Amino acid sequence: MSEDNSQPQTDGPPQRQMVIQKIYVKDASFESPNAPAIFSSEWKPETSVQLQNSAVALSDTLFEVTLTATITTKLEDKTAYLAEVQQAGLFDIRGMSEAELPRLLGSYCPHTLFPYLRQALDDLISKGGYPEFLLAPVNFEAIFEEQMRQKKQQPSAPQDTTGGEAESPPH
């Protein structure tokens, strides 16, 4: 039995849709420069988390969005580990206005990629011999809104509508 999912062609505006084509790890790295000596230290880490997202148009309707997290964990002045993951996705976006597209690419798409990024980081850090690490939830909509507000206050700055960079509180 086959299903016909085709839509009849109309002369009206294009149908609004966003389809996730693929979600994948674009890059991952892990360094533990002070292992194995660091494992004998008392585990009271200071952790820094940096998030950044970017979007690249591959065609009129296909966009690659990349969400990058860099985790640096130290014990006193020694680095326990540095982990970085670039989680990416291909998004087919059609029928959206030019005003809607930045919000999708800077907020909705990173929000979609976040659980995959979170899991990839946790796996990488755990396999490095360290305790489980779960990133706290991130409000990409609020980050996007704040960046848009800042850009309105600085009209001479070049426009970046991808959502830019955010820093998460230390764990």
Protein backbone atom coordinates (compact mmCIF):
# COMPACT_ATOMS: atom_id res chain seq x y z
CA MET A 1 0.00 0.00 0.00
CA SER A 2 1.46 3.35 -0.96
CA GLU A 3 0.60 6.76 0.33
CA ASP A 4 0.51 9.87 -1.82
CA ASN A 5 1.94 12.70 0.26
CA SER A 6 2.20 15.13 -2.62
CA GLN A 7 0.56 18.50 -2.28
CA PRO A 8 -1.42 19.99 -5.16
CA GLN A 9 0.27 23.01 -6.73
CA THR A 10 -1.42 26.31 -6.01
CA ASP A 11 -0.81 29.81 -7.26
CA GLY A 12 -0.82 31.23 -3.71
CA PRO A 13 2.17 31.88 -1.46
CA PRO A 14 4.56 28.95 -0.93
CA GLN A 15 3.61 26.52 1.81
CA ARG A 16 5.45 27.24 5.07
CA GLN A 17 7.52 24.28 6.19
CA MET A 18 10.69 23.33 7.96
CA VAL A 19 12.05 19.82 7.56
CA ILE A 20 15.08 18.43 9.36
CA GLN A 21 17.12 16.69 6.68
CA LYS A 22 19.98 15.45 8.87
CA ILE A 23 21.45 15.89 12.36
CA TYR A 24 25.11 15.00 12.80
CA VAL A 25 28.28 15.64 14.78
CA LYS A 26 30.43 17.90 12.62
CA ASP A 27 33.46 17.94 14.92
CA ALA A 28 34.37 16.65 18.38
CA SER A 29 37.52 16.90 20.44
CA PHE A 30 38.58 15.95 23.93
CA GLU A 31 41.82 16.73 25.76
CA SER A 32 42.88 15.65 29.22
CA PRO A 33 46.35 17.20 29.46
CA ASN A 34 46.98 16.34 33.09
CA ALA A 35 45.81 12.72 33.08
CA PRO A 36 46.43 10.42 34.84
CA ALA A 37 47.73 12.59 37.74
CA ILE A 38 44.51 14.66 37.77
CA PHE A 39 42.48 11.57 38.71
CA SER A 40 44.12 11.41 42.14
CA SER A 41 43.05 14.98 42.99
CA GLU A 42 39.93 15.80 44.99
CA TRP A 43 37.14 16.43 42.46
CA LYS A 44 36.05 20.05 43.06
CA PRO A 45 36.09 21.38 39.52
CA GLU A 46 35.55 24.84 38.11
CA THR A 47 33.81 24.56 34.77
CA SER A 48 33.41 27.09 32.00
CA VAL A 49 30.81 26.55 29.27
CA GLN A 50 30.71 28.51 26.04
CA LEU A 51 27.97 28.09 23.43
CA GLN A 52 27.96 29.47 19.94
CA ASN A 53 25.75 28.88 16.94
CA SER A 54 26.05 29.73 13.28
CA ALA A 55 24.05 29.19 10.11
CA VAL A 56 25.14 28.86 6.51
CA ALA A 57 22.81 28.93 3.51
CA LEU A 58 23.64 26.01 1.24
CA SER A 59 20.87 26.92 -1.22
CA ASP A 60 17.74 29.08 -1.25
CA THR A 61 15.99 26.61 1.06
CA LEU A 62 18.71 24.44 2.65
CA PHE A 63 20.61 25.69 5.71
CA GLU A 64 23.32 24.13 7.84
CA VAL A 65 23.05 25.24 11.47
CA THR A 66 25.94 24.41 13.80
CA LEU A 67 25.74 24.58 17.58
CA THR A 68 29.16 24.50 19.27
CA ALA A 69 29.85 23.93 22.96
CA THR A 70 33.26 24.24 24.54
CA ILE A 71 33.64 22.91 28.08
CA THR A 72 36.78 23.68 30.09
CA THR A 73 37.07 22.05 33.49
CA LYS A 74 39.90 22.87 35.89
CA LEU A 75 41.03 21.72 39.32
CA GLU A 76 42.76 24.71 40.86
CA ASP A 77 45.17 25.86 38.14
CA LYS A 78 45.34 22.56 36.22
CA THR A 79 43.08 21.70 33.31
CA ALA A 80 41.27 18.43 33.93
CA TYR A 81 39.70 18.38 30.46
CA LEU A 82 38.69 20.44 27.49
CA ALA A 83 35.81 19.10 25.41
CA GLU A 84 34.30 20.64 22.32
CA VAL A 85 31.47 19.40 20.12
CA GLN A 86 30.02 20.94 16.97
CA GLN A 87 26.54 19.51 16.53
CA ALA A 88 25.07 20.38 13.15
CA GLY A 89 21.86 19.93 11.25
CA LEU A 90 20.57 20.43 7.75
CA PHE A 91 17.24 22.23 7.71
CA ASP A 92 15.06 22.62 4.62
CA ILE A 93 13.10 25.82 5.22
CA ARG A 94 10.47 27.01 2.74
CA GLY A 95 7.83 29.70 2.62
CA MET A 96 9.18 31.77 5.51
CA SER A 97 9.55 35.51 5.26
CA GLU A 98 12.96 37.17 5.48
CA ALA A 99 11.92 38.48 8.89
CA GLU A 100 11.10 34.96 10.20
CA LEU A 101 14.22 33.21 8.90
CA PRO A 102 16.75 34.70 11.38
CA ARG A 103 14.58 33.61 14.34
CA LEU A 104 14.35 30.06 13.01
CA LEU A 105 18.09 29.84 12.37
CA GLY A 106 19.12 31.61 15.58
CA SER A 107 16.63 30.14 18.02
CA TYR A 108 14.50 27.21 16.84
CA CYS A 109 17.27 25.27 15.03
CA PRO A 110 19.80 25.52 17.91
CA HIS A 111 17.04 24.48 20.32
CA THR A 112 16.44 21.41 18.11
CA LEU A 113 20.16 20.53 18.07
CA PHE A 114 20.75 21.08 21.80
CA PRO A 115 19.70 17.62 23.12
CA TYR A 116 22.03 15.94 20.61
CA LEU A 117 24.90 18.26 21.58
CA ARG A 118 24.24 17.63 25.26
CA GLN A 119 24.38 13.86 24.79
CA ALA A 120 27.51 13.98 22.61
CA LEU A 121 29.35 16.06 25.23
CA ASP A 122 28.29 13.80 28.08
CA ASP A 123 29.45 10.72 26.15
CA LEU A 124 32.79 12.30 25.29
CA ILE A 125 33.49 13.45 28.86
CA SER A 126 32.36 10.15 30.42
CA LYS A 127 34.54 8.17 28.03
CA GLY A 128 37.43 10.40 29.09
CA GLY A 129 37.06 8.98 32.60
CA TYR A 130 35.26 11.93 34.19
CA PRO A 131 31.90 12.17 35.98
CA GLU A 132 28.70 12.64 34.01
CA PHE A 133 28.29 16.14 32.62
CA LEU A 134 24.85 17.40 31.61
CA LEU A 135 24.51 20.89 30.21
CA ALA A 136 21.75 22.90 31.84
CA PRO A 137 18.86 23.81 29.53
CA VAL A 138 19.41 26.93 27.42
CA ASN A 139 16.74 29.44 26.42
CA PHE A 140 17.84 30.15 22.84
CA GLU A 141 14.81 32.37 22.28
CA ALA A 142 15.86 34.71 25.10
CA ILE A 143 19.47 34.76 23.84
CA PHE A 144 18.26 35.57 20.32
CA GLU A 145 15.98 38.36 21.61
CA GLU A 146 18.80 39.90 23.63
CA GLN A 147 21.15 39.84 20.65
CA MET A 148 18.52 41.45 18.41
CA ARG A 149 17.94 44.14 21.05
CA GLN A 150 21.68 44.84 21.24
CA LYS A 151 21.95 45.05 17.45
CA LYS A 152 19.15 47.62 17.31
CA GLN A 153 21.15 49.77 19.74
CA GLN A 154 24.25 49.47 17.53
CA PRO A 155 23.01 50.10 13.96
CA SER A 156 26.54 50.43 12.56
CA ALA A 157 27.45 46.84 13.52
CA PRO A 158 27.25 44.21 10.76
CA GLN A 159 24.12 42.06 10.94
CA ASP A 160 24.54 38.51 12.27
CA THR A 161 21.21 36.77 12.56
CA THR A 162 22.44 33.35 13.62
CA GLY A 163 22.05 33.76 17.34
CA GLY A 164 25.75 34.30 18.01
CA GLU A 165 27.40 33.29 21.26
CA ALA A 166 26.20 32.68 24.78
CA GLU A 167 27.94 31.64 27.94
CA SER A 168 26.35 29.24 30.35
CA PRO A 169 26.83 29.58 34.09
CA PRO A 170 29.63 27.42 35.60
CA HIS A 171 28.70 23.96 36.85
